[in-house]
Amino acid sequence: MEALYLLVPLSVATVFGALWVYFRASDDGQFDDLVGPALRVLQDDDTTHNPS
């Protein structure tokens, strides 16, 4: 029973911490373009770049 006095506040704090991280990432634009990077991987680019 005494463990619940520690575990319940820790679990509530963990949930609020995870929500804070999620909304912080959302505000910073982390989830703005989820399709673009996946499509860029599939684009075939056979050009060679000569750095000379």
PDB file of N, CA and C in Angstrom:
ATOM      1  N   MET A   1       0.826  -1.196   0.000  1.00  0.00           N
ATOM      2  CA  MET A   1       0.000   0.000   0.000  1.00  0.00           C
ATOM      3  C   MET A   1       0.867   1.255   0.000  1.00  0.00           C
ATOM      4  N   GLU A   2       1.982   1.209   0.719  1.00  0.00           N
ATOM      5  CA  GLU A   2       2.841   2.390   0.777  1.00  0.00           C
ATOM      6  C   GLU A   2       3.510   2.673  -0.555  1.00  0.00           C
ATOM      7  N   ALA A   3       3.680   1.624  -1.359  1.00  0.00           N
ATOM      8  CA  ALA A   3       4.293   1.825  -2.672  1.00  0.00           C
ATOM      9  C   ALA A   3       3.395   2.650  -3.578  1.00  0.00           C
ATOM     10  N   LEU A   4       2.086   2.562  -3.369  1.00  0.00           N
ATOM     11  CA  LEU A   4       1.160   3.336  -4.196  1.00  0.00           C
ATOM     12  C   LEU A   4       1.335   4.837  -3.984  1.00  0.00           C
ATOM     13  N   TYR A   5       1.727   5.248  -2.795  1.00  0.00           N
ATOM     14  CA  TYR A   5       1.954   6.664  -2.525  1.00  0.00           C
ATOM     15  C   TYR A   5       3.096   7.206  -3.367  1.00  0.00           C
ATOM     16  N   LEU A   6       4.002   6.346  -3.792  1.00  0.00           N
ATOM     17  CA  LEU A   6       5.099   6.754  -4.656  1.00  0.00           C
ATOM     18  C   LEU A   6       4.771   6.510  -6.128  1.00  0.00           C
ATOM     19  N   LEU A   7       4.155   5.372  -6.441  1.00  0.00           N
ATOM     20  CA  LEU A   7       3.957   4.989  -7.826  1.00  0.00           C
ATOM     21  C   LEU A   7       2.868   5.798  -8.531  1.00  0.00           C
ATOM     22  N   VAL A   8       1.812   6.148  -7.842  1.00  0.00           N
ATOM     23  CA  VAL A   8       0.732   6.908  -8.480  1.00  0.00           C
ATOM     24  C   VAL A   8       1.208   8.302  -8.883  1.00  0.00           C
ATOM     25  N   PRO A   9       1.843   9.066  -8.017  1.00  0.00           N
ATOM     26  CA  PRO A   9       2.335  10.378  -8.478  1.00  0.00           C
ATOM     27  C   PRO A   9       3.403  10.264  -9.561  1.00  0.00           C
ATOM     28  N   LEU A  10       4.247   9.237  -9.495  1.00  0.00           N
ATOM     29  CA  LEU A  10       5.251   9.065 -10.537  1.00  0.00           C
ATOM     30  C   LEU A  10       4.611   8.741 -11.880  1.00  0.00           C
ATOM     31  N   SER A  11       3.590   7.918 -11.892  1.00  0.00           N
ATOM     32  CA  SER A  11       2.931   7.590 -13.152  1.00  0.00           C
ATOM     33  C   SER A  11       2.180   8.796 -13.713  1.00  0.00           C
ATOM     34  N   VAL A  12       1.554   9.571 -12.857  1.00  0.00           N
ATOM     35  CA  VAL A  12       0.868  10.784 -13.315  1.00  0.00           C
ATOM     36  C   VAL A  12       1.886  11.778 -13.872  1.00  0.00           C
ATOM     37  N   ALA A  13       3.008  11.934 -13.212  1.00  0.00           N
ATOM     38  CA  ALA A  13       4.056  12.830 -13.700  1.00  0.00           C
ATOM     39  C   ALA A  13       4.625  12.333 -15.027  1.00  0.00           C
ATOM     40  N   THR A  14       4.763  11.032 -15.190  1.00  0.00           N
ATOM     41  CA  THR A  14       5.263  10.470 -16.437  1.00  0.00           C
ATOM     42  C   THR A  14       4.299  10.736 -17.588  1.00  0.00           C
ATOM     43  N   VAL A  15       2.999  10.596 -17.328  1.00  0.00           N
ATOM     44  CA  VAL A  15       2.000  10.865 -18.372  1.00  0.00           C
ATOM     45  C   VAL A  15       2.022  12.339 -18.757  1.00  0.00           C
ATOM     46  N   PHE A  16       2.067  13.222 -17.786  1.00  0.00           N
ATOM     47  CA  PHE A  16       2.118  14.646 -18.105  1.00  0.00           C
ATOM     48  C   PHE A  16       3.425  15.010 -18.811  1.00  0.00           C
ATOM     49  N   GLY A  17       4.524  14.372 -18.446  1.00  0.00           N
ATOM     50  CA  GLY A  17       5.794  14.602 -19.134  1.00  0.00           C
ATOM     51  C   GLY A  17       5.741  14.145 -20.578  1.00  0.00           C
ATOM     52  N   ALA A  18       5.145  12.988 -20.841  1.00  0.00           N
ATOM     53  CA  ALA A  18       5.022  12.498 -22.210  1.00  0.00           C
ATOM     54  C   ALA A  18       4.109  13.407 -23.032  1.00  0.00           C
ATOM     55  N   LEU A  19       3.027  13.882 -22.441  1.00  0.00           N
ATOM     56  CA  LEU A  19       2.141  14.809 -23.146  1.00  0.00           C
ATOM     57  C   LEU A  19       2.843  16.128 -23.445  1.00  0.00           C
ATOM     58  N   TRP A  20       3.646  16.602 -22.521  1.00  0.00           N
ATOM     59  CA  TRP A  20       4.392  17.848 -22.734  1.00  0.00           C
ATOM     60  C   TRP A  20       5.373  17.682 -23.888  1.00  0.00           C
ATOM     61  N   VAL A  21       6.083  16.549 -23.929  1.00  0.00           N
ATOM     62  CA  VAL A  21       7.036  16.300 -25.012  1.00  0.00           C
ATOM     63  C   VAL A  21       6.301  16.223 -26.351  1.00  0.00           C
ATOM     64  N   TYR A  22       5.165  15.552 -26.385  1.00  0.00           N
ATOM     65  CA  TYR A  22       4.396  15.432 -27.619  1.00  0.00           C
ATOM     66  C   TYR A  22       3.928  16.798 -28.118  1.00  0.00           C
ATOM     67  N   PHE A  23       3.327  17.589 -27.254  1.00  0.00           N
ATOM     68  CA  PHE A  23       2.821  18.887 -27.684  1.00  0.00           C
ATOM     69  C   PHE A  23       3.956  19.852 -28.005  1.00  0.00           C
ATOM     70  N   ARG A  24       5.071  19.717 -27.341  1.00  0.00           N
ATOM     71  CA  ARG A  24       6.243  20.549 -27.665  1.00  0.00           C
ATOM     72  C   ARG A  24       6.751  20.227 -29.072  1.00  0.00           C
ATOM     73  N   ALA A  25       6.833  18.927 -29.397  1.00  0.00           N
ATOM     74  CA  ALA A  25       7.260  18.522 -30.734  1.00  0.00           C
ATOM     75  C   ALA A  25       6.243  18.957 -31.778  1.00  0.00           C
ATOM     76  N   SER A  26       4.974  18.906 -31.437  1.00  0.00           N
ATOM     77  CA  SER A  26       3.935  19.328 -32.366  1.00  0.00           C
ATOM     78  C   SER A  26       4.013  20.827 -32.638  1.00  0.00           C
ATOM     79  N   ASP A  27       4.276  21.610 -31.622  1.00  0.00           N
ATOM     80  CA  ASP A  27       4.398  23.058 -31.801  1.00  0.00           C
ATOM     81  C   ASP A  27       5.644  23.428 -32.594  1.00  0.00           C
ATOM     82  N   ASP A  28       6.699  22.627 -32.498  1.00  0.00           N
ATOM     83  CA  ASP A  28       7.937  22.908 -33.225  1.00  0.00           C
ATOM     84  C   ASP A  28       7.885  22.452 -34.670  1.00  0.00           C
ATOM     85  N   GLY A  29       6.780  21.825 -35.097  1.00  0.00           N
ATOM     86  CA  GLY A  29       6.634  21.435 -36.484  1.00  0.00           C
ATOM     87  C   GLY A  29       7.165  20.058 -36.808  1.00  0.00           C
ATOM     88  N   GLN A  30       7.355  19.234 -35.833  1.00  0.00           N
ATOM     89  CA  GLN A  30       7.898  17.898 -36.046  1.00  0.00           C
ATOM     90  C   GLN A  30       6.988  17.044 -36.921  1.00  0.00           C
ATOM     91  N   PHE A  31       5.691  17.249 -36.853  1.00  0.00           N
ATOM     92  CA  PHE A  31       4.732  16.394 -37.552  1.00  0.00           C
ATOM     93  C   PHE A  31       4.079  17.101 -38.733  1.00  0.00           C
ATOM     94  N   ASP A  32       4.694  18.140 -39.267  1.00  0.00           N
ATOM     95  CA  ASP A  32       4.077  18.898 -40.346  1.00  0.00           C
ATOM     96  C   ASP A  32       4.011  18.118 -41.654  1.00  0.00           C
ATOM     97  N   ASP A  33       5.109  17.484 -42.056  1.00  0.00           N
ATOM     98  CA  ASP A  33       5.150  16.786 -43.339  1.00  0.00           C
ATOM     99  C   ASP A  33       5.576  15.347 -43.105  1.00  0.00           C
ATOM    100  N   LEU A  34       4.609  14.455 -42.985  1.00  0.00           N
ATOM    101  CA  LEU A  34       4.914  13.048 -42.741  1.00  0.00           C
ATOM    102  C   LEU A  34       5.062  12.260 -44.039  1.00  0.00           C
ATOM    103  N   VAL A  35       4.551  12.784 -45.153  1.00  0.00           N
ATOM    104  CA  VAL A  35       4.569  12.044 -46.411  1.00  0.00           C
ATOM    105  C   VAL A  35       5.799  12.393 -47.247  1.00  0.00           C
ATOM    106  N   GLY A  36       6.252  13.624 -47.190  1.00  0.00           N
ATOM    107  CA  GLY A  36       7.347  14.085 -48.042  1.00  0.00           C
ATOM    108  C   GLY A  36       8.636  13.285 -47.913  1.00  0.00           C
ATOM    109  N   PRO A  37       9.169  13.066 -46.713  1.00  0.00           N
ATOM    110  CA  PRO A  37      10.405  12.297 -46.605  1.00  0.00           C
ATOM    111  C   PRO A  37      10.263  10.856 -47.094  1.00  0.00           C
ATOM    112  N   ALA A  38       9.105  10.262 -46.926  1.00  0.00           N
ATOM    113  CA  ALA A  38       8.912   8.894 -47.409  1.00  0.00           C
ATOM    114  C   ALA A  38       8.910   8.851 -48.928  1.00  0.00           C
ATOM    115  N   LEU A  39       8.361   9.863 -49.574  1.00  0.00           N
ATOM    116  CA  LEU A  39       8.349   9.889 -51.036  1.00  0.00           C
ATOM    117  C   LEU A  39       9.714  10.230 -51.606  1.00  0.00           C
ATOM    118  N   ARG A  40      10.500  11.042 -50.898  1.00  0.00           N
ATOM    119  CA  ARG A  40      11.837  11.379 -51.374  1.00  0.00           C
ATOM    120  C   ARG A  40      12.755  10.172 -51.399  1.00  0.00           C
ATOM    121  N   VAL A  41      12.538   9.217 -50.519  1.00  0.00           N
ATOM    122  CA  VAL A  41      13.349   8.007 -50.514  1.00  0.00           C
ATOM    123  C   VAL A  41      13.099   7.207 -51.779  1.00  0.00           C
ATOM    124  N   LEU A  42      11.865   7.243 -52.274  1.00  0.00           N
ATOM    125  CA  LEU A  42      11.498   6.444 -53.440  1.00  0.00           C
ATOM    126  C   LEU A  42      11.886   7.093 -54.763  1.00  0.00           C
ATOM    127  N   GLN A  43      12.224   8.361 -54.772  1.00  0.00           N
ATOM    128  CA  GLN A  43      12.590   9.035 -56.011  1.00  0.00           C
ATOM    129  C   GLN A  43      13.932   8.523 -56.502  1.00  0.00           C
ATOM    130  N   ASP A  44      13.991   8.205 -57.785  1.00  0.00           N
ATOM    131  CA  ASP A  44      15.203   7.674 -58.387  1.00  0.00           C
ATOM    132  C   ASP A  44      16.047   8.830 -58.904  1.00  0.00           C
ATOM    133  N   ASP A  45      17.220   8.986 -58.368  1.00  0.00           N
ATOM    134  CA  ASP A  45      18.122  10.054 -58.772  1.00  0.00           C
ATOM    135  C   ASP A  45      19.419   9.421 -59.249  1.00  0.00           C
ATOM    136  N   ASP A  46      19.562   9.275 -60.576  1.00  0.00           N
ATOM    137  CA  ASP A  46      20.747   8.622 -61.134  1.00  0.00           C
ATOM    138  C   ASP A  46      21.823   9.601 -61.559  1.00  0.00           C
ATOM    139  N   THR A  47      21.649  10.870 -61.274  1.00  0.00           N
ATOM    140  CA  THR A  47      22.655  11.834 -61.671  1.00  0.00           C
ATOM    141  C   THR A  47      23.878  11.706 -60.775  1.00  0.00           C
ATOM    142  N   THR A  48      25.029  11.913 -61.391  1.00  0.00           N
ATOM    143  CA  THR A  48      26.276  11.894 -60.619  1.00  0.00           C
ATOM    144  C   THR A  48      26.749  13.317 -60.436  1.00  0.00           C
ATOM    145  N   HIS A  49      27.304  13.580 -59.324  1.00  0.00           N
ATOM    146  CA  HIS A  49      27.784  14.925 -59.005  1.00  0.00           C
ATOM    147  C   HIS A  49      29.309  14.897 -58.971  1.00  0.00           C
ATOM    148  N   ASN A  50      29.931  15.648 -59.842  1.00  0.00           N
ATOM    149  CA  ASN A  50      31.384  15.774 -59.846  1.00  0.00           C
ATOM    150  C   ASN A  50      31.772  17.003 -59.037  1.00  0.00           C
ATOM    151  N   PRO A  51      32.452  16.826 -57.923  1.00  0.00           N
ATOM    152  CA  PRO A  51      32.802  18.001 -57.104  1.00  0.00           C
ATOM    153  C   PRO A  51      34.014  18.747 -57.632  1.00  0.00           C
ATOM    154  N   SER A  52      34.458  18.503 -58.858  1.00  0.00           N
ATOM    155  CA  SER A  52      35.645  19.182 -59.377  1.00  0.00           C
ATOM    156  C   SER A  52      35.333  20.468 -60.079  1.00  0.00           C
TER     157      SER A  52
END
